[in-house]
Amino acid sequence: MRSVLLLAAAAAAIAAQAPPGYRLYIVSESGDIVTQLTWDGSALHPVKTVPVGVMPADIDGPHNVTVSPDGRFYYVSVAHGTPYGSLWKMAVDGDTLLARAQVEMFPTTISVTPDGELAFVANSDFYGDHPRTNVVSIVYTPTMTLLTNLATCDMPHGVKVNHAGTRVYVSCMNSDEILEVDRQTLAITRRHRTGAGVMPPMPMTHGGAQGGVMHDACMPTFVSVSPDDKTLYVACNHADQLQVIDAGTLDLIKTIPTGHGAYNVEPSPDGKWIIVTNKKDQSVSLIDAGTREVVARIPTTKPFPHGVAYSPDNRFAFVSQESKGVDPGAVDVIDLTTRRSVATIPVPLQPTGITMLRLR
């Protein structure tokens, strides 16, 4: 009996020391690479970097990355082309390029339906004339066929499919609204104003604005959906706040003050936490999803926090941070139990989008 207990204790100790069964993928917009990291509970470790891009003499600008629901593929939005951007389908096994679909000008966020069949890609076109109507590209992923470019709004930036796979939400920076798209008909079913909007002329920069006149604008950069699909979370980049919206009625439930330049927003898989990256404040806001109150503002190691991913056990959050000049960006690890940053690792060349892959 004693030997059995000793063996069980030894097995438990080995299991506790084993690395978690997931991997982080981060795209670097100025380096045309995807960096893969593992987390062992105390430190992040680089696994490999995967090149993406088609123009050796220029920067192609990968911006966002997401993983297919079955864990076999990952998708990367590549901003620049001749002249349009593209969506890349990569094999997790071997990191080989399987196919590309042409999308539109400056694709940013990607969201894939739970069945893995459709990818929705927001095309922001930061450098075009405004006001204008940009499109969300809808791609059939098994063959990487562009089904349609859905005319949406002025500067769609965030896009998120709900967990049931029935609705898709789009945040529109310049026209200051949230759109709801029906997954079956691929048509816009509702629009919700998030603010009074941005008055032209409005020369844009990524994640913010230069010039122009703002009139009580939210300028929503990202939208996320609660795990139960009942609530939308909208990051207001100009208003420095998070809007909490009822997904059924699209009524505003609450506004929550954040740090300066709220950019990305992501709820934890268990629905307990919401994290907002404050891109002009070198911090993230940690919000209790139950009370809808900020419980901590956690400094980041680099000035421009961008994206958020969570560990499957809801214990840790991983925050990508963009580079500043020659100084590299980074990924920070936040322990959600202690509400503190516990580790960081430098990531070069403008890291932006981040996602988590469960290893099979």
Protein backbone atom coordinates (compact mmCIF):
# COMPACT_ATOMS: atom_id res chain seq x y z
CA MET A 1 0.00 0.00 0.00
CA ARG A 2 2.87 2.35 0.91
CA SER A 3 4.54 1.75 -2.47
CA VAL A 4 1.29 2.51 -4.28
CA LEU A 5 0.96 5.80 -2.42
CA LEU A 6 4.56 6.71 -3.19
CA LEU A 7 4.05 5.96 -6.88
CA ALA A 8 0.87 8.07 -6.93
CA ALA A 9 2.69 10.95 -5.22
CA ALA A 10 5.56 10.70 -7.70
CA ALA A 11 3.13 10.70 -10.66
CA ALA A 12 1.36 13.75 -9.24
CA ALA A 13 4.68 15.57 -8.82
CA ILE A 14 5.67 14.80 -12.42
CA ALA A 15 2.28 15.96 -13.67
CA ALA A 16 2.62 19.19 -11.71
CA GLN A 17 6.02 19.86 -13.31
CA ALA A 18 4.87 19.05 -16.83
CA PRO A 19 4.25 22.02 -19.12
CA PRO A 20 0.60 22.93 -19.72
CA GLY A 21 -1.07 21.46 -22.76
CA TYR A 22 -1.25 24.69 -24.74
CA ARG A 23 0.87 27.01 -26.81
CA LEU A 24 0.72 30.75 -27.52
CA TYR A 25 0.87 32.21 -31.03
CA ILE A 26 1.83 35.87 -31.50
CA VAL A 27 2.10 37.73 -34.82
CA SER A 28 4.72 40.47 -35.31
CA GLU A 29 3.42 43.12 -37.66
CA SER A 30 6.81 44.65 -38.53
CA GLY A 31 8.64 41.34 -38.79
CA ASP A 32 6.31 39.11 -40.80
CA ILE A 33 6.63 36.29 -38.28
CA VAL A 34 4.51 34.19 -35.95
CA THR A 35 6.25 33.52 -32.63
CA GLN A 36 5.23 30.43 -30.67
CA LEU A 37 5.70 30.29 -26.90
CA THR A 38 5.07 27.81 -24.11
CA TRP A 39 4.39 28.56 -20.44
CA ASP A 40 5.66 26.24 -17.71
CA GLY A 41 3.91 27.96 -14.82
CA SER A 42 6.81 30.24 -13.98
CA ALA A 43 8.37 31.35 -17.29
CA LEU A 44 7.59 31.73 -20.98
CA HIS A 45 9.79 29.84 -23.43
CA PRO A 46 10.20 30.40 -27.20
CA VAL A 47 9.47 27.35 -29.34
CA LYS A 48 9.91 28.65 -32.90
CA THR A 49 9.20 31.53 -35.26
CA VAL A 50 7.31 30.98 -38.51
CA PRO A 51 7.74 33.45 -41.41
CA VAL A 52 4.67 34.84 -43.18
CA GLY A 53 4.56 37.29 -46.06
CA VAL A 54 5.10 37.36 -49.83
CA MET A 55 7.12 40.53 -50.47
CA PRO A 56 10.79 40.10 -49.42
CA ALA A 57 11.61 43.76 -50.03
CA ASP A 58 8.68 45.09 -48.02
CA ILE A 59 6.74 44.44 -44.82
CA ASP A 60 3.52 42.51 -45.33
CA GLY A 61 2.19 43.28 -41.86
CA PRO A 62 0.46 40.28 -40.23
CA HIS A 63 -1.92 41.71 -37.67
CA ASN A 64 -4.09 39.05 -36.08
CA VAL A 65 -4.01 35.29 -35.50
CA THR A 66 -6.64 32.79 -34.41
CA VAL A 67 -6.87 29.00 -34.19
CA SER A 68 -9.53 26.78 -35.74
CA PRO A 69 -11.93 25.15 -33.24
CA ASP A 70 -10.52 21.68 -33.98
CA GLY A 71 -6.94 22.87 -33.34
CA ARG A 72 -5.66 21.73 -36.75
CA PHE A 73 -5.17 25.13 -38.37
CA TYR A 74 -4.36 28.71 -37.55
CA TYR A 75 -5.29 31.77 -39.54
CA VAL A 76 -3.27 34.96 -39.97
CA SER A 77 -4.52 38.25 -41.41
CA VAL A 78 -1.80 39.82 -43.58
CA ALA A 79 -2.38 43.50 -44.16
CA HIS A 80 -0.44 44.38 -47.28
CA GLY A 81 -0.52 42.96 -50.79
CA THR A 82 -0.86 44.08 -54.37
CA PRO A 83 -2.90 45.99 -53.32
CA TYR A 84 -5.21 43.94 -51.10
CA GLY A 85 -4.55 42.00 -47.92
CA SER A 86 -5.06 38.28 -47.41
CA LEU A 87 -6.08 35.60 -44.95
CA TRP A 88 -3.55 32.77 -44.55
CA LYS A 89 -4.45 29.23 -43.53
CA MET A 90 -1.55 27.48 -41.79
CA ALA A 91 -1.23 23.87 -40.65
CA VAL A 92 -0.54 23.48 -36.94
CA ASP A 93 1.34 20.29 -37.77
CA GLY A 94 4.43 21.57 -39.60
CA ASP A 95 3.44 25.25 -39.82
CA THR A 96 3.06 25.03 -43.59
CA LEU A 97 0.97 27.43 -45.65
CA LEU A 98 -2.07 25.56 -46.98
CA ALA A 99 -3.90 28.35 -48.81
CA ARG A 100 -4.53 32.08 -48.98
CA ALA A 101 -7.72 34.02 -49.60
CA GLN A 102 -7.63 37.58 -50.87
CA VAL A 103 -9.60 39.92 -48.68
CA GLU A 104 -9.63 43.76 -48.75
CA MET A 105 -7.65 46.76 -47.51
CA PHE A 106 -5.76 46.29 -44.22
CA PRO A 107 -7.44 43.23 -42.69
CA THR A 108 -7.28 43.31 -38.90
CA THR A 109 -9.32 41.01 -36.65
CA ILE A 110 -10.36 37.43 -37.52
CA SER A 111 -13.14 35.37 -35.95
CA VAL A 112 -14.06 31.80 -36.93
CA THR A 113 -17.43 30.09 -36.44
CA PRO A 114 -17.56 27.21 -33.93
CA ASP A 115 -17.95 24.68 -36.76
CA GLY A 116 -14.77 26.05 -38.33
CA GLU A 117 -16.39 26.69 -41.71
CA LEU A 118 -16.46 30.49 -41.91
CA ALA A 119 -13.89 33.12 -41.10
CA PHE A 120 -14.99 36.74 -40.73
CA VAL A 121 -12.24 39.30 -41.36
CA ALA A 122 -12.61 43.03 -40.63
CA ASN A 123 -10.93 45.25 -43.24
CA SER A 124 -10.14 48.55 -41.56
CA ASP A 125 -8.31 50.48 -44.31
CA PHE A 126 -6.68 52.91 -41.89
CA TYR A 127 -5.11 54.94 -44.66
CA GLY A 128 -8.03 55.39 -47.06
CA ASP A 129 -10.26 58.43 -47.38
CA HIS A 130 -12.96 58.80 -44.74
CA PRO A 131 -15.85 58.70 -44.30
CA ARG A 132 -16.34 55.60 -46.41
CA THR A 133 -17.89 52.15 -46.19
CA ASN A 134 -15.46 49.33 -45.60
CA VAL A 135 -16.17 45.64 -45.79
CA VAL A 136 -15.99 42.48 -43.70
CA SER A 137 -14.67 39.60 -45.79
CA ILE A 138 -16.36 36.22 -45.27
CA VAL A 139 -14.22 33.22 -46.22
CA TYR A 140 -15.26 29.57 -46.54
CA THR A 141 -12.27 28.01 -44.80
CA PRO A 142 -12.27 24.39 -46.12
CA THR A 143 -11.36 25.72 -49.59
CA MET A 144 -10.35 29.26 -48.52
CA THR A 145 -12.91 30.70 -50.92
CA LEU A 146 -14.02 34.30 -50.51
CA LEU A 147 -17.82 34.11 -50.28
CA THR A 148 -18.50 37.83 -50.12
CA ASN A 149 -17.22 41.20 -49.02
CA LEU A 150 -20.06 42.45 -46.82
CA ALA A 151 -20.40 46.24 -46.92
CA THR A 152 -20.58 47.28 -43.27
CA CYS A 153 -19.45 50.66 -41.93
CA ASP A 154 -16.61 53.16 -41.66
CA MET A 155 -13.52 51.36 -40.33
CA PRO A 156 -14.66 47.97 -39.02
CA HIS A 157 -11.89 46.81 -36.70
CA GLY A 158 -13.11 44.19 -34.23
CA VAL A 159 -15.15 41.15 -35.22
CA LYS A 160 -16.40 38.35 -32.98
CA VAL A 161 -18.63 35.30 -33.60
CA ASN A 162 -20.76 34.34 -30.61
CA HIS A 163 -20.28 30.92 -29.00
CA ALA A 164 -23.50 29.52 -30.49
CA GLY A 165 -22.28 30.45 -33.96
CA THR A 166 -25.51 32.30 -34.76
CA ARG A 167 -24.44 35.95 -34.63
CA VAL A 168 -21.36 37.95 -35.57
CA TYR A 169 -20.59 41.34 -34.03
CA VAL A 170 -18.51 44.05 -35.67
CA SER A 171 -17.10 47.18 -34.00
CA CYS A 172 -16.85 50.22 -36.29
CA MET A 173 -14.30 52.79 -35.18
CA ASN A 174 -15.13 55.79 -37.35
CA SER A 175 -18.90 55.39 -37.64
CA ASP A 176 -19.08 54.66 -33.89
CA GLU A 177 -21.39 51.65 -33.91
CA ILE A 178 -21.72 47.93 -33.34
CA LEU A 179 -23.22 45.76 -36.07
CA GLU A 180 -24.92 42.40 -35.70
CA VAL A 181 -24.62 39.97 -38.63
CA ASP A 182 -26.74 36.83 -39.03
CA ARG A 183 -24.54 33.80 -39.65
CA GLN A 184 -27.07 32.01 -41.87
CA THR A 185 -28.02 34.87 -44.20
CA LEU A 186 -24.70 36.78 -43.91
CA ALA A 187 -26.75 39.97 -43.66
CA ILE A 188 -26.62 42.82 -41.18
CA THR A 189 -29.64 42.48 -38.89
CA ARG A 190 -29.11 45.32 -36.39
CA ARG A 191 -26.99 48.41 -35.75
CA HIS A 192 -26.28 49.97 -32.38
CA ARG A 193 -24.76 53.40 -31.83
CA THR A 194 -21.87 53.46 -29.35
CA GLY A 195 -21.30 57.22 -29.55
CA ALA A 196 -21.84 60.35 -31.56
CA GLY A 197 -19.10 59.46 -34.01
CA VAL A 198 -16.03 61.00 -35.57
CA MET A 199 -16.35 64.10 -37.72
CA PRO A 200 -14.22 64.19 -40.92
CA PRO A 201 -11.53 64.98 -41.92
CA MET A 202 -9.98 62.19 -39.87
CA PRO A 203 -6.51 60.96 -40.89
CA MET A 204 -6.11 57.72 -38.97
CA THR A 205 -3.34 55.88 -37.26
CA HIS A 206 -3.57 52.34 -35.99
CA GLY A 207 -5.47 52.25 -32.71
CA GLY A 208 -6.04 55.99 -32.45
CA ALA A 209 -6.73 59.21 -34.27
CA GLN A 210 -4.76 62.25 -35.40
CA GLY A 211 -6.68 65.43 -36.17
CA GLY A 212 -10.40 65.69 -36.84
CA VAL A 213 -13.13 66.57 -34.38
CA MET A 214 -14.52 64.15 -31.80
CA HIS A 215 -18.05 64.63 -30.48
CA ASP A 216 -18.66 62.30 -27.53
CA ALA A 217 -17.15 59.48 -29.57
CA CYS A 218 -16.62 55.97 -28.24
CA MET A 219 -14.53 54.94 -31.25
CA PRO A 220 -14.93 51.19 -30.59
CA THR A 221 -11.83 49.19 -31.45
CA PHE A 222 -12.91 45.72 -30.27
CA VAL A 223 -16.02 43.80 -29.34
CA SER A 224 -16.19 40.54 -27.39
CA VAL A 225 -18.98 38.23 -26.26
CA SER A 226 -19.52 36.73 -22.81
CA PRO A 227 -19.29 32.91 -22.61
CA ASP A 228 -23.08 32.63 -22.28
CA ASP A 229 -23.64 34.93 -25.33
CA LYS A 230 -25.87 37.24 -23.28
CA THR A 231 -23.52 40.22 -23.03
CA LEU A 232 -21.31 42.23 -25.38
CA TYR A 233 -18.19 44.06 -24.24
CA VAL A 234 -17.07 47.04 -26.32
CA ALA A 235 -13.72 48.83 -25.85
CA CYS A 236 -14.08 52.59 -26.42
CA ASN A 237 -10.66 53.82 -27.55
CA HIS A 238 -11.55 57.51 -27.43
CA ALA A 239 -13.85 57.53 -24.39
CA ASP A 240 -11.49 55.45 -22.17
CA GLN A 241 -14.24 53.11 -21.11
CA LEU A 242 -15.81 49.70 -21.55
CA GLN A 243 -19.42 49.54 -22.68
CA VAL A 244 -21.45 46.58 -21.42
CA ILE A 245 -24.33 45.84 -23.80
CA ASP A 246 -27.24 43.40 -23.60
CA ALA A 247 -26.81 41.10 -26.61
CA GLY A 248 -30.56 40.43 -26.81
CA THR A 249 -31.74 44.03 -26.94
CA LEU A 250 -28.49 45.87 -27.74
CA ASP A 251 -29.32 48.21 -24.86
CA LEU A 252 -26.44 49.74 -22.94
CA ILE A 253 -26.24 48.18 -19.47
CA LYS A 254 -23.26 50.04 -18.04
CA THR A 255 -20.14 52.02 -18.89
CA ILE A 256 -17.00 51.17 -16.92
CA PRO A 257 -14.04 53.58 -16.79
CA THR A 258 -10.76 52.07 -17.99
CA GLY A 259 -7.26 53.39 -18.53
CA HIS A 260 -6.45 55.76 -21.37
CA GLY A 261 -6.97 54.33 -24.85
CA ALA A 262 -9.04 51.18 -24.20
CA TYR A 263 -8.14 48.93 -27.11
CA ASN A 264 -8.80 45.21 -26.81
CA VAL A 265 -11.30 43.46 -24.56
CA GLU A 266 -11.57 39.78 -23.74
CA PRO A 267 -13.59 37.88 -21.09
CA SER A 268 -12.02 34.83 -19.48
CA PRO A 269 -13.36 31.42 -20.60
CA ASP A 270 -15.12 30.91 -17.25
CA GLY A 271 -16.81 34.31 -17.54
CA LYS A 272 -15.35 35.56 -14.24
CA TRP A 273 -13.00 38.25 -15.55
CA ILE A 274 -12.83 40.85 -18.30
CA ILE A 275 -9.51 42.34 -19.35
CA VAL A 276 -9.21 45.59 -21.28
CA THR A 277 -5.83 46.61 -22.69
CA ASN A 278 -5.16 50.33 -22.24
CA LYS A 279 -3.03 51.13 -25.25
CA LYS A 280 -2.19 54.71 -24.25
CA ASP A 281 -1.72 53.96 -20.56
CA GLN A 282 0.79 51.04 -20.37
CA SER A 283 -1.66 48.98 -18.36
CA VAL A 284 -4.59 46.60 -18.43
CA SER A 285 -7.85 46.97 -16.52
CA LEU A 286 -9.01 43.81 -14.73
CA ILE A 287 -12.78 43.84 -14.31
CA ASP A 288 -14.96 41.53 -12.24
CA ALA A 289 -17.62 40.35 -14.72
CA GLY A 290 -20.14 39.72 -11.93
CA THR A 291 -19.99 43.12 -10.23
CA ARG A 292 -18.85 44.94 -13.38
CA GLU A 293 -16.29 46.86 -11.36
CA VAL A 294 -12.58 47.39 -11.97
CA VAL A 295 -10.66 45.42 -9.34
CA ALA A 296 -7.13 46.24 -10.53
CA ARG A 297 -5.18 48.25 -13.05
CA ILE A 298 -2.06 46.23 -13.75
CA PRO A 299 0.99 47.91 -15.33
CA THR A 300 2.55 46.24 -18.37
CA THR A 301 6.27 46.07 -19.08
CA LYS A 302 5.97 47.84 -22.43
CA PRO A 303 4.04 51.01 -23.39
CA PHE A 304 1.50 49.64 -25.88
CA PRO A 305 -0.51 46.63 -24.66
CA HIS A 306 -2.46 45.06 -27.51
CA GLY A 307 -4.13 41.62 -27.26
CA VAL A 308 -5.20 39.13 -24.59
CA ALA A 309 -5.29 35.33 -24.36
CA TYR A 310 -6.14 33.12 -21.39
CA SER A 311 -4.89 29.76 -20.16
CA PRO A 312 -7.54 27.01 -20.37
CA ASP A 313 -7.66 26.75 -16.57
CA ASN A 314 -8.51 30.48 -16.26
CA ARG A 315 -5.48 30.98 -13.99
CA PHE A 316 -3.32 33.15 -16.26
CA ALA A 317 -3.79 35.88 -18.84
CA PHE A 318 -1.21 36.62 -21.54
CA VAL A 319 -0.92 40.17 -22.89
CA SER A 320 0.91 41.06 -26.11
CA GLN A 321 2.59 44.47 -26.29
CA GLU A 322 3.77 46.33 -29.35
CA SER A 323 7.33 47.53 -29.93
CA LYS A 324 8.50 51.13 -29.64
CA GLY A 325 11.35 52.01 -32.00
CA VAL A 326 14.24 49.57 -31.54
CA ASP A 327 12.86 48.42 -28.18
CA PRO A 328 11.17 45.03 -28.67
CA GLY A 329 7.64 44.28 -27.65
CA ALA A 330 6.75 41.60 -25.14
CA VAL A 331 4.25 39.13 -23.78
CA ASP A 332 3.40 39.56 -20.08
CA VAL A 333 1.80 36.92 -17.87
CA ILE A 334 -0.82 37.99 -15.32
CA ASP A 335 -1.75 35.69 -12.47
CA LEU A 336 -5.49 36.19 -12.09
CA THR A 337 -5.40 34.80 -8.56
CA THR A 338 -2.96 37.39 -7.23
CA ARG A 339 -3.90 40.01 -9.86
CA ARG A 340 -0.23 40.67 -10.54
CA SER A 341 2.14 40.41 -13.48
CA VAL A 342 4.39 37.42 -12.80
CA ALA A 343 6.51 36.96 -15.93
CA THR A 344 7.45 38.53 -19.25
CA ILE A 345 9.42 37.69 -22.38
CA PRO A 346 10.58 40.01 -25.18
CA VAL A 347 9.00 39.47 -28.58
CA PRO A 348 10.50 41.38 -31.53
CA LEU A 349 9.15 43.46 -34.38
CA GLN A 350 5.78 44.83 -33.32
CA PRO A 351 3.87 41.91 -31.72
CA THR A 352 0.12 42.46 -32.01
CA GLY A 353 -2.40 39.59 -32.21
CA ILE A 354 -2.17 36.73 -29.72
CA THR A 355 -4.09 33.47 -29.36
CA MET A 356 -3.90 30.18 -27.50
CA LEU A 357 -3.79 26.67 -28.99
CA ARG A 358 -4.65 23.59 -26.96
CA LEU A 359 -2.15 20.85 -27.80
CA ARG A 360 -3.59 17.50 -28.78
